[in-house]
Amino acid sequence: MLGDTASNLEMTVRTKTEGAEGEIFLIPAKAFDLIGNLPDGEVEISPGKKNTIMIKAEKIKNKYQTLEPETFPASGMLGDNDKETTIDSNLLLASMKRVSYAIPAQASSPTMSALCLRAAEGMLNFVGLDGHVLAWDRVDYEGDFELLIPKNTVEKLLSIGLSGDVTVKHNKNGAAFITDDYEVYTRIVDGQYFGYEKMFHQMPIHTEVARAEFLEAMIRAKMCTEEKRPARFEISGSEMNISIKDSTTDYNETVLLKKELKEPLTIGFDARLVVETLKAFECGNIKIQMASPKNPMIVEAEDSDFKAIVLPVAIN
């Protein structure tokens, strides 16, 4: 089995290719810039003498200095006694994609910069959060484990497009996601994840709205201002008025609700966070729960267990 392997010490990705065993050699990172800019056609990459490689394409030829294959870091995180489980790739990637927007690229806490993958009580939970939003999806699954997967690993799993069943091997230091075509090895974040379940509780104000209409209104409102001003929500009866006002704009749009509210509410949100949250949903209608200007908004899918929280911001 031939293959290509890339590593940044925290994550290792290995592709699998059928064929005869060949010579092992390293391709330096800077060579990929050239490879990515070569004209269409066949590209030949071959090892040379004294730790060099040759790249040829039509009329182009370049030689790179490289290193001994033995210097390439091994994943080194998994052994023979690791725990193992199997997850359908469609379920895994769909849920990872839904919650990934809520995982910050940089965070004050290492656990906050990771996706929580937790199997318990007949469910497989996918959770991402920062200080302002929380996204939680879950699917039926029998098992018992918890892994904190770094955001860059989640993004890599989503980008390479896994298919078929995914075998997940893990121990206290790392995890591997293995299919017929790929092996992705990653470190896992050490620490205890946040008690996300406690953040979701029933609130007195309930309504329902068409997701696409709500999202389009938020995008238009956000487009009309260059300043970081909160969106103002004035909700009453069967209408939700969305407005943003700054030195250059005074935008207002009314979105009709599918369920009438018994009591009015005025509350503010970061428009960007609302847009990102609504984009993560795929259903036609979403359910909304609120309580007061100081309590978060809970958004729930009408056709799955996916739900999210958006914290409010102060408005005048």
Protein backbone atom coordinates (compact mmCIF):
# COMPACT_ATOMS: atom_id res chain seq x y z
CA MET A 1 0.00 0.00 0.00
CA LEU A 2 1.45 3.34 -1.09
CA GLY A 3 0.48 6.64 0.45
CA ASP A 4 1.31 10.23 1.28
CA THR A 5 1.78 11.49 4.81
CA ALA A 6 1.82 15.07 6.13
CA SER A 7 2.34 16.20 9.72
CA ASN A 8 2.62 19.39 11.76
CA LEU A 9 3.45 17.50 14.99
CA GLU A 10 -0.09 18.03 16.36
CA MET A 11 -1.87 16.30 13.48
CA THR A 12 -0.83 13.69 10.91
CA VAL A 13 -2.78 12.93 7.72
CA ARG A 14 -2.05 9.82 5.70
CA THR A 15 -3.63 8.91 2.36
CA LYS A 16 -3.79 5.34 1.08
CA THR A 17 -3.09 4.38 -2.54
CA GLU A 18 -3.12 0.91 -4.07
CA GLY A 19 0.12 -0.05 -5.80
CA ALA A 20 3.54 -1.53 -5.41
CA GLU A 21 5.79 -0.40 -2.62
CA GLY A 22 8.13 2.38 -3.69
CA GLU A 23 10.96 4.44 -2.28
CA ILE A 24 10.15 6.67 0.69
CA PHE A 25 11.14 10.34 0.44
CA LEU A 26 10.12 13.68 1.95
CA ILE A 27 8.61 16.60 0.02
CA PRO A 28 9.45 19.95 1.69
CA ALA A 29 6.52 22.24 2.46
CA LYS A 30 7.73 24.98 0.09
CA ALA A 31 7.53 22.54 -2.84
CA PHE A 32 3.74 22.48 -2.58
CA ASP A 33 3.57 26.14 -3.60
CA LEU A 34 5.26 25.22 -6.88
CA ILE A 35 3.15 22.09 -7.36
CA GLY A 36 -0.04 24.07 -6.83
CA ASN A 37 0.95 26.57 -9.53
CA LEU A 38 2.07 24.13 -12.22
CA PRO A 39 0.12 24.06 -15.51
CA ASP A 40 -2.43 21.31 -16.11
CA GLY A 41 -0.90 18.00 -17.03
CA GLU A 42 1.22 15.22 -15.64
CA VAL A 43 3.60 15.98 -12.75
CA GLU A 44 6.53 13.72 -11.91
CA ILE A 45 8.07 13.77 -8.43
CA SER A 46 11.08 11.54 -7.88
CA PRO A 47 13.87 11.18 -5.31
CA GLY A 48 17.43 12.12 -6.20
CA LYS A 49 20.84 11.68 -4.64
CA LYS A 50 21.95 13.24 -1.35
CA ASN A 51 18.45 13.94 -0.03
CA THR A 52 17.04 15.78 -3.03
CA ILE A 53 13.81 15.46 -4.98
CA MET A 54 13.10 16.42 -8.59
CA ILE A 55 9.79 17.91 -9.76
CA LYS A 56 9.09 17.81 -13.51
CA ALA A 57 6.10 19.05 -15.47
CA GLU A 58 6.18 19.59 -19.23
CA LYS A 59 8.94 22.21 -19.73
CA ILE A 60 9.45 22.83 -16.00
CA LYS A 61 12.07 21.17 -13.83
CA ASN A 62 13.17 22.01 -10.30
CA LYS A 63 15.26 20.28 -7.66
CA TYR A 64 14.67 20.68 -3.92
CA GLN A 65 16.88 19.80 -1.00
CA THR A 66 15.05 17.64 1.51
CA LEU A 67 15.72 15.54 4.62
CA GLU A 68 16.24 11.91 5.49
CA PRO A 69 12.89 10.04 5.68
CA GLU A 70 13.86 8.85 9.15
CA THR A 71 13.57 12.44 10.43
CA PHE A 72 9.83 12.57 9.65
CA PRO A 73 7.84 12.60 12.91
CA ALA A 74 5.75 9.53 13.63
CA SER A 75 2.25 9.96 15.01
CA GLY A 76 3.36 7.96 18.05
CA MET A 77 0.16 8.51 20.03
CA LEU A 78 -1.66 5.21 19.59
CA GLY A 79 -0.88 1.62 20.48
CA ASP A 80 -2.36 -1.86 20.54
CA ASN A 81 -4.58 -1.33 23.60
CA ASP A 82 -6.45 1.75 22.42
CA LYS A 83 -10.23 2.02 22.60
CA GLU A 84 -12.05 1.76 19.29
CA THR A 85 -15.47 2.64 17.91
CA THR A 86 -17.11 3.05 14.50
CA ILE A 87 -19.18 6.01 13.26
CA ASP A 88 -20.89 6.57 9.92
CA SER A 89 -18.97 9.30 8.07
CA ASN A 90 -22.13 11.15 6.99
CA LEU A 91 -23.34 11.47 10.58
CA LEU A 92 -19.89 12.41 11.85
CA LEU A 93 -19.19 15.12 9.27
CA ALA A 94 -22.71 16.59 9.23
CA SER A 95 -22.74 17.15 12.98
CA MET A 96 -19.15 18.41 13.05
CA LYS A 97 -20.01 20.92 10.35
CA ARG A 98 -23.07 22.19 12.23
CA VAL A 99 -21.22 23.02 15.44
CA SER A 100 -17.79 24.00 14.07
CA TYR A 101 -18.74 27.67 13.60
CA ALA A 102 -18.99 28.05 17.39
CA ILE A 103 -15.40 26.88 18.03
CA PRO A 104 -13.02 29.87 18.17
CA ALA A 105 -9.69 29.79 16.34
CA GLN A 106 -8.07 31.27 19.44
CA ALA A 107 -9.37 31.03 22.99
CA SER A 108 -8.22 31.74 26.51
CA SER A 109 -8.99 28.14 27.44
CA PRO A 110 -7.63 25.13 25.46
CA THR A 111 -10.89 23.25 26.01
CA MET A 112 -12.84 26.09 24.41
CA SER A 113 -10.78 25.77 21.21
CA ALA A 114 -11.85 22.13 20.78
CA LEU A 115 -14.93 20.24 19.64
CA CYS A 116 -16.37 18.02 22.34
CA LEU A 117 -17.23 14.58 20.95
CA ARG A 118 -19.03 12.75 23.75
CA ALA A 119 -20.90 9.45 23.70
CA ALA A 120 -23.19 8.85 26.68
CA GLU A 121 -26.68 7.61 27.49
CA GLY A 122 -27.42 6.38 23.98
CA MET A 123 -26.42 9.62 22.25
CA LEU A 124 -23.34 10.95 20.47
CA ASN A 125 -22.96 14.65 21.30
CA PHE A 126 -21.11 17.26 19.24
CA VAL A 127 -20.51 20.58 21.00
CA GLY A 128 -18.69 23.80 20.18
CA LEU A 129 -18.70 27.05 22.12
CA ASP A 130 -16.95 30.31 22.78
CA GLY A 131 -17.91 33.10 25.14
CA HIS A 132 -20.86 34.23 23.02
CA VAL A 133 -22.38 31.25 21.19
CA LEU A 134 -22.89 27.55 21.88
CA ALA A 135 -23.86 24.88 19.33
CA TRP A 136 -24.95 21.35 20.27
CA ASP A 137 -25.96 18.52 17.97
CA ARG A 138 -26.57 14.88 18.85
CA VAL A 139 -27.47 11.61 17.15
CA ASP A 140 -28.43 8.15 18.38
CA TYR A 141 -25.35 6.14 19.30
CA GLU A 142 -24.39 3.44 21.77
CA GLY A 143 -21.04 4.01 23.45
CA ASP A 144 -19.25 5.76 26.27
CA PHE A 145 -16.30 8.09 25.61
CA GLU A 146 -15.35 11.77 25.46
CA LEU A 147 -12.76 13.36 23.16
CA LEU A 148 -11.82 17.03 22.85
CA ILE A 149 -10.76 17.42 19.20
CA PRO A 150 -8.73 20.54 18.22
CA LYS A 151 -10.44 22.91 15.77
CA ASN A 152 -7.76 22.47 13.08
CA THR A 153 -8.35 18.71 13.11
CA VAL A 154 -12.09 19.24 12.74
CA GLU A 155 -11.49 21.52 9.76
CA LYS A 156 -9.17 18.96 8.16
CA LEU A 157 -11.70 16.13 8.60
CA LEU A 158 -14.35 18.30 6.96
CA SER A 159 -12.11 19.36 4.07
CA ILE A 160 -10.80 15.95 2.96
CA GLY A 161 -14.26 14.41 2.71
CA LEU A 162 -14.30 11.11 4.56
CA SER A 163 -16.61 8.38 3.24
CA GLY A 164 -17.96 5.07 4.50
CA ASP A 165 -17.50 3.97 8.09
CA VAL A 166 -14.97 5.85 10.22
CA THR A 167 -13.04 3.85 12.79
CA VAL A 168 -12.15 6.07 15.74
CA LYS A 169 -9.27 4.85 17.88
CA HIS A 170 -8.29 6.81 20.96
CA ASN A 171 -6.38 6.86 24.22
CA LYS A 172 -5.63 9.56 26.78
CA ASN A 173 -3.17 11.33 24.46
CA GLY A 174 -4.57 11.14 20.96
CA ALA A 175 -7.14 9.88 18.50
CA ALA A 176 -7.20 8.49 14.98
CA PHE A 177 -9.99 8.74 12.39
CA ILE A 178 -9.49 5.92 9.90
CA THR A 179 -11.30 5.08 6.64
CA ASP A 180 -10.40 3.06 3.57
CA ASP A 181 -8.78 6.17 2.04
CA TYR A 182 -7.43 8.23 4.94
CA GLU A 183 -5.90 8.07 8.38
CA VAL A 184 -5.99 11.26 10.46
CA TYR A 185 -4.05 11.19 13.72
CA THR A 186 -4.43 14.04 16.19
CA ARG A 187 -3.58 15.02 19.70
CA ILE A 188 -6.58 15.54 21.96
CA VAL A 189 -7.04 18.43 24.36
CA ASP A 190 -6.61 17.55 28.01
CA GLY A 191 -9.19 18.92 30.40
CA GLN A 192 -12.81 18.82 31.46
CA TYR A 193 -15.35 20.29 29.05
CA PHE A 194 -18.00 22.78 30.06
CA GLY A 195 -21.39 21.72 31.39
CA TYR A 196 -23.20 22.64 28.18
CA GLU A 197 -26.40 20.71 28.97
CA LYS A 198 -27.15 22.97 31.95
CA MET A 199 -27.16 26.03 29.67
CA PHE A 200 -30.28 24.81 27.86
CA HIS A 201 -33.46 25.17 29.88
CA GLN A 202 -37.04 26.08 29.16
CA MET A 203 -37.77 29.81 28.80
CA PRO A 204 -41.17 31.50 28.99
CA ILE A 205 -41.18 33.15 25.54
CA HIS A 206 -41.63 30.73 22.62
CA THR A 207 -42.04 31.40 18.92
CA GLU A 208 -41.21 30.00 15.50
CA VAL A 209 -39.91 31.68 12.32
CA ALA A 210 -38.94 30.77 8.76
CA ARG A 211 -35.16 30.34 8.91
CA ALA A 212 -34.39 31.63 5.39
CA GLU A 213 -36.48 34.79 5.87
CA PHE A 214 -34.85 35.50 9.24
CA LEU A 215 -31.35 34.86 7.86
CA GLU A 216 -31.84 37.06 4.80
CA ALA A 217 -33.11 39.90 6.97
CA MET A 218 -30.08 39.64 9.25
CA ILE A 219 -27.66 39.61 6.30
CA ARG A 220 -29.27 42.74 4.85
CA ALA A 221 -29.17 44.52 8.21
CA LYS A 222 -25.51 43.60 8.74
CA MET A 223 -24.58 44.79 5.22
CA CYS A 224 -25.89 48.28 5.89
CA THR A 225 -23.37 49.16 8.60
CA GLU A 226 -19.59 49.17 8.78
CA GLU A 227 -19.61 49.83 12.50
CA LYS A 228 -19.88 47.15 15.17
CA ARG A 229 -23.36 48.02 16.32
CA PRO A 230 -25.76 45.45 17.80
CA ALA A 231 -28.95 44.48 16.05
CA ARG A 232 -32.05 45.54 17.95
CA PHE A 233 -34.94 43.06 18.08
CA GLU A 234 -38.38 44.41 18.98
CA ILE A 235 -40.69 41.41 19.18
CA SER A 236 -44.41 41.81 19.67
CA GLY A 237 -47.41 39.75 18.66
CA SER A 238 -46.63 38.06 15.35
CA GLU A 239 -43.86 40.44 14.26
CA MET A 240 -40.13 40.74 14.88
CA ASN A 241 -38.68 44.11 13.91
CA ILE A 242 -34.92 44.05 13.30
CA SER A 243 -33.03 47.33 13.25
CA ILE A 244 -29.44 48.58 13.16
CA LYS A 245 -28.65 52.26 13.54
CA ASP A 246 -25.28 54.03 13.41
CA SER A 247 -23.73 57.20 11.97
CA THR A 248 -24.39 56.10 8.37
CA THR A 249 -27.53 53.96 8.42
CA ASP A 250 -30.89 53.43 10.07
CA TYR A 251 -32.06 50.02 8.86
CA ASN A 252 -35.39 48.43 9.76
CA GLU A 253 -37.05 45.23 8.57
CA THR A 254 -39.98 43.26 9.91
CA VAL A 255 -40.05 39.47 9.89
CA LEU A 256 -43.34 37.67 10.47
CA LEU A 257 -43.47 35.04 13.20
CA LYS A 258 -45.32 31.76 12.82
CA LYS A 259 -46.38 31.74 16.48
CA GLU A 260 -47.70 34.85 18.18
CA LEU A 261 -46.01 36.04 21.39
CA LYS A 262 -48.14 36.71 24.44
CA GLU A 263 -45.77 39.37 25.79
CA PRO A 264 -43.42 41.81 23.96
CA LEU A 265 -39.63 41.78 24.26
CA THR A 266 -36.85 44.11 23.15
CA ILE A 267 -33.36 42.58 23.07
CA GLY A 268 -30.00 43.11 21.33
CA PHE A 269 -27.65 40.66 19.59
CA ASP A 270 -24.39 40.75 17.66
CA ALA A 271 -25.62 40.52 14.06
CA ARG A 272 -22.63 38.45 12.93
CA LEU A 273 -23.24 35.79 15.56
CA VAL A 274 -26.92 35.54 14.67
CA VAL A 275 -26.04 35.16 10.97
CA GLU A 276 -23.46 32.44 11.66
CA THR A 277 -25.90 30.59 13.90
CA LEU A 278 -28.74 30.67 11.37
CA LYS A 279 -26.41 29.47 8.59
CA ALA A 280 -25.58 26.37 10.63
CA PHE A 281 -29.21 25.23 10.47
CA GLU A 282 -30.70 23.56 7.38
CA CYS A 283 -34.37 23.20 8.31
CA GLY A 284 -37.19 25.32 6.96
CA ASN A 285 -38.38 26.67 10.31
CA ILE A 286 -36.59 27.22 13.60
CA LYS A 287 -37.96 27.42 17.12
CA ILE A 288 -36.86 30.30 19.34
CA GLN A 289 -36.94 30.62 23.12
CA MET A 290 -36.19 33.78 25.11
CA ALA A 291 -36.86 35.21 28.55
CA SER A 292 -35.54 38.76 29.00
CA PRO A 293 -33.02 41.25 27.53
CA LYS A 294 -30.34 39.69 29.75
CA ASN A 295 -31.02 36.05 28.92
CA PRO A 296 -29.74 34.20 25.84
CA MET A 297 -31.73 33.20 22.79
CA ILE A 298 -32.11 29.45 22.27
CA VAL A 299 -32.52 28.36 18.64
CA GLU A 300 -33.75 24.83 17.87
CA ALA A 301 -34.15 22.88 14.63
CA GLU A 302 -37.64 21.65 13.79
CA ASP A 303 -36.40 18.33 12.36
CA SER A 304 -33.43 17.27 14.52
CA ASP A 305 -31.79 17.61 17.94
CA PHE A 306 -29.54 20.46 16.77
CA LYS A 307 -29.78 23.55 18.95
CA ALA A 308 -27.75 26.68 19.67
CA ILE A 309 -27.45 29.55 22.12
CA VAL A 310 -26.65 33.18 21.30
CA LEU A 311 -25.88 35.53 24.18
CA PRO A 312 -27.45 39.01 24.09
CA VAL A 313 -25.62 42.34 24.06
CA ALA A 314 -26.59 45.62 25.69
CA ILE A 315 -28.58 48.13 23.63
CA ASN A 316 -29.66 51.68 24.35
